[in-house]
C-alpha atoms as a PDB file:
ATOM      1  CA  UNK A   1      14.802  14.114 -15.531  1.00  0.00           C
ATOM      2  CA  UNK A   2      14.767  12.881 -19.115  1.00  0.00           C
ATOM      3  CA  UNK A   3      17.933  10.864 -18.491  1.00  0.00           C
ATOM      4  CA  UNK A   4      16.937   9.750 -15.011  1.00  0.00           C
ATOM      5  CA  UNK A   5      15.274   6.551 -13.840  1.00  0.00           C
ATOM      6  CA  UNK A   6      11.726   5.631 -14.811  1.00  0.00           C
ATOM      7  CA  UNK A   7      10.358   5.974 -11.275  1.00  0.00           C
ATOM      8  CA  UNK A   8       6.584   6.052 -10.841  1.00  0.00           C
ATOM      9  CA  UNK A   9       4.558   7.728  -8.101  1.00  0.00           C
ATOM     10  CA  UNK A  10       0.899   6.841  -7.610  1.00  0.00           C
ATOM     11  CA  UNK A  11      -1.590   9.598  -6.700  1.00  0.00           C
ATOM     12  CA  UNK A  12      -1.961   8.246  -3.150  1.00  0.00           C
ATOM     13  CA  UNK A  13       1.820   8.225  -2.687  1.00  0.00           C
ATOM     14  CA  UNK A  14       2.087  11.760  -4.076  1.00  0.00           C
ATOM     15  CA  UNK A  15      -0.572  12.999  -1.651  1.00  0.00           C
ATOM     16  CA  UNK A  16       1.233  11.477   1.340  1.00  0.00           C
ATOM     17  CA  UNK A  17       4.609  12.806   0.178  1.00  0.00           C
ATOM     18  CA  UNK A  18       3.104  16.297  -0.166  1.00  0.00           C
ATOM     19  CA  UNK A  19       1.662  16.013   3.362  1.00  0.00           C
ATOM     20  CA  UNK A  20       4.935  14.833   4.905  1.00  0.00           C
ATOM     21  CA  UNK A  21       7.023  17.461   3.100  1.00  0.00           C
ATOM     22  CA  UNK A  22       4.677  20.235   4.255  1.00  0.00           C
ATOM     23  CA  UNK A  23       4.734  19.018   7.869  1.00  0.00           C
ATOM     24  CA  UNK A  24       8.542  19.068   7.795  1.00  0.00           C
ATOM     25  CA  UNK A  25       8.661  22.618   6.414  1.00  0.00           C
ATOM     26  CA  UNK A  26       9.913  21.536   2.954  1.00  0.00           C
ATOM     27  CA  UNK A  27       6.740  21.898   0.851  1.00  0.00           C
ATOM     28  CA  UNK A  28       6.814  19.949  -2.405  1.00  0.00           C
ATOM     29  CA  UNK A  29      10.295  18.447  -1.859  1.00  0.00           C
ATOM     30  CA  UNK A  30      11.116  14.886  -0.805  1.00  0.00           C
ATOM     31  CA  UNK A  31      14.255  12.796  -1.107  1.00  0.00           C
ATOM     32  CA  UNK A  32      14.338   9.050  -1.713  1.00  0.00           C
ATOM     33  CA  UNK A  33      17.402   6.884  -1.413  1.00  0.00           C
ATOM     34  CA  UNK A  34      18.082   3.196  -1.062  1.00  0.00           C
ATOM     35  CA  UNK A  35      19.924   1.906   1.959  1.00  0.00           C
ATOM     36  CA  UNK A  36      21.522  -1.516   2.227  1.00  0.00           C
ATOM     37  CA  UNK A  37      20.290  -3.881   4.914  1.00  0.00           C
ATOM     38  CA  UNK A  38      22.895  -4.383   7.617  1.00  0.00           C
ATOM     39  CA  UNK A  39      21.738  -7.895   8.451  1.00  0.00           C
ATOM     40  CA  UNK A  40      21.319  -9.501   5.033  1.00  0.00           C
ATOM     41  CA  UNK A  41      23.492  -8.783   2.017  1.00  0.00           C
ATOM     42  CA  UNK A  42      21.739  -7.759  -1.173  1.00  0.00           C
ATOM     43  CA  UNK A  43      18.534  -6.352   0.355  1.00  0.00           C
ATOM     44  CA  UNK A  44      17.693  -2.679  -0.222  1.00  0.00           C
ATOM     45  CA  UNK A  45      15.230  -0.505   1.668  1.00  0.00           C
ATOM     46  CA  UNK A  46      13.730   2.836   0.703  1.00  0.00           C
ATOM     47  CA  UNK A  47      14.347   5.828   2.939  1.00  0.00           C
ATOM     48  CA  UNK A  48      12.248   8.955   2.439  1.00  0.00           C
ATOM     49  CA  UNK A  49      13.243  12.329   3.873  1.00  0.00           C
ATOM     50  CA  UNK A  50      11.885  15.859   3.440  1.00  0.00           C
ATOM     51  CA  UNK A  51      13.905  18.200   1.201  1.00  0.00           C
ATOM     52  CA  UNK A  52      16.445  17.721  -1.581  1.00  0.00           C
ATOM     53  CA  UNK A  53      19.256  16.209   0.539  1.00  0.00           C
ATOM     54  CA  UNK A  54      21.817  16.730  -2.222  1.00  0.00           C
ATOM     55  CA  UNK A  55      19.933  14.653  -4.786  1.00  0.00           C
ATOM     56  CA  UNK A  56      18.672  15.493  -8.245  1.00  0.00           C
ATOM     57  CA  UNK A  57      15.018  15.440  -9.383  1.00  0.00           C
ATOM     58  CA  UNK A  58      13.895  11.974 -10.503  1.00  0.00           C
ATOM     59  CA  UNK A  59      10.088  12.285 -10.548  1.00  0.00           C
ATOM     60  CA  UNK A  60       7.335  14.861 -10.294  1.00  0.00           C
ATOM     61  CA  UNK A  61       3.677  14.174  -9.539  1.00  0.00           C
ATOM     62  CA  UNK A  62       0.740  16.088  -8.117  1.00  0.00           C
ATOM     63  CA  UNK A  63       2.681  18.793  -6.271  1.00  0.00           C
ATOM     64  CA  UNK A  64       5.747  16.822  -5.211  1.00  0.00           C
ATOM     65  CA  UNK A  65       9.249  16.628  -6.651  1.00  0.00           C
ATOM     66  CA  UNK A  66      11.157  13.548  -5.617  1.00  0.00           C
ATOM     67  CA  UNK A  67      14.959  13.738  -5.465  1.00  0.00           C
ATOM     68  CA  UNK A  68      17.457  10.849  -5.379  1.00  0.00           C
ATOM     69  CA  UNK A  69      21.216  10.304  -5.599  1.00  0.00           C
ATOM     70  CA  UNK A  70      22.535  10.012  -9.173  1.00  0.00           C
ATOM     71  CA  UNK A  71      24.486   6.898  -8.216  1.00  0.00           C
ATOM     72  CA  UNK A  72      21.244   5.021  -7.496  1.00  0.00           C
ATOM     73  CA  UNK A  73      19.455   5.696 -10.790  1.00  0.00           C
ATOM     74  CA  UNK A  74      20.101   2.169 -12.068  1.00  0.00           C
ATOM     75  CA  UNK A  75      18.459   0.727  -8.936  1.00  0.00           C
ATOM     76  CA  UNK A  76      15.404   3.014  -9.035  1.00  0.00           C
ATOM     77  CA  UNK A  77      14.454   2.470 -12.660  1.00  0.00           C
ATOM     78  CA  UNK A  78      11.178   0.617 -12.996  1.00  0.00           C
ATOM     79  CA  UNK A  79      10.065   1.098  -9.381  1.00  0.00           C
ATOM     80  CA  UNK A  80       6.665   2.562  -8.550  1.00  0.00           C
ATOM     81  CA  UNK A  81       6.068   4.178  -5.173  1.00  0.00           C
ATOM     82  CA  UNK A  82       2.602   3.658  -3.703  1.00  0.00           C
ATOM     83  CA  UNK A  83       0.989   4.437  -0.348  1.00  0.00           C
ATOM     84  CA  UNK A  84      -1.680   2.594   1.574  1.00  0.00           C
ATOM     85  CA  UNK A  85      -3.545   3.804   4.622  1.00  0.00           C
ATOM     86  CA  UNK A  86      -6.192   2.376   6.894  1.00  0.00           C
ATOM     87  CA  UNK A  87      -7.472   2.809  10.455  1.00  0.00           C
ATOM     88  CA  UNK A  88      -4.400   1.129  11.913  1.00  0.00           C
ATOM     89  CA  UNK A  89      -1.907   3.321  10.058  1.00  0.00           C
ATOM     90  CA  UNK A  90      -0.281   3.339   6.682  1.00  0.00           C
ATOM     91  CA  UNK A  91       2.951   3.056   4.793  1.00  0.00           C
ATOM     92  CA  UNK A  92       4.732   3.269   1.494  1.00  0.00           C
ATOM     93  CA  UNK A  93       4.938   0.249  -0.771  1.00  0.00           C
ATOM     94  CA  UNK A  94       7.006  -0.304  -3.863  1.00  0.00           C
ATOM     95  CA  UNK A  95       6.041  -2.115  -7.018  1.00  0.00           C
ATOM     96  CA  UNK A  96       9.132  -3.852  -8.282  1.00  0.00           C
ATOM     97  CA  UNK A  97      10.515  -4.158 -11.771  1.00  0.00           C
ATOM     98  CA  UNK A  98      11.079  -7.498 -13.438  1.00  0.00           C
ATOM     99  CA  UNK A  99      14.063  -9.301 -11.973  1.00  0.00           C
ATOM    100  CA  UNK A 100      13.490  -8.178  -8.376  1.00  0.00           C
ATOM    101  CA  UNK A 101      11.841  -9.803  -5.373  1.00  0.00           C
ATOM    102  CA  UNK A 102      10.255  -8.280  -2.279  1.00  0.00           C
ATOM    103  CA  UNK A 103      11.337  -9.046   1.258  1.00  0.00           C
ATOM    104  CA  UNK A 104       8.980 -10.927   3.569  1.00  0.00           C
ATOM    105  CA  UNK A 105       8.012  -7.702   5.349  1.00  0.00           C
ATOM    106  CA  UNK A 106       7.337  -5.923   2.040  1.00  0.00           C
ATOM    107  CA  UNK A 107       9.564  -2.989   2.915  1.00  0.00           C
ATOM    108  CA  UNK A 108      12.628  -4.048   0.985  1.00  0.00           C
ATOM    109  CA  UNK A 109      13.717  -5.738  -2.196  1.00  0.00           C
ATOM    110  CA  UNK A 110      16.673  -7.264  -3.960  1.00  0.00           C
ATOM    111  CA  UNK A 111      17.552  -8.075  -7.511  1.00  0.00           C
ATOM    112  CA  UNK A 112      17.564 -11.750  -8.401  1.00  0.00           C
ATOM    113  CA  UNK A 113      20.766 -12.946  -9.986  1.00  0.00           C
ATOM    114  CA  UNK A 114      20.204 -14.487 -13.381  1.00  0.00           C
ATOM    115  CA  UNK A 115      21.371 -18.030 -13.854  1.00  0.00           C
ATOM    116  CA  UNK A 116      23.707 -18.551 -16.771  1.00  0.00           C
END
């Protein structure tokens, strides 16, 4: 993981990842990858799945190891995964690195092209 992305996981996100991995029968193992939006070019969304799913470890925190595809390291660097929960439900949120903007729904992001 020394040469991997600088991907952060907050304690609340780690706790929810641990819970979801355990419920799926894959204790301590979750996979994160970015999927491209089919309706709007340039937007990326995070998909989380239990297990390794052919990825390599990119982050460890509080009982969870997060795996991701090597080919997405450059896109994951600088992201921080967080989780919020309240009486109406909950969900994962991402804190974006400089040079990225969030979608209106907050579930996706894209990198802003620099003007030359």
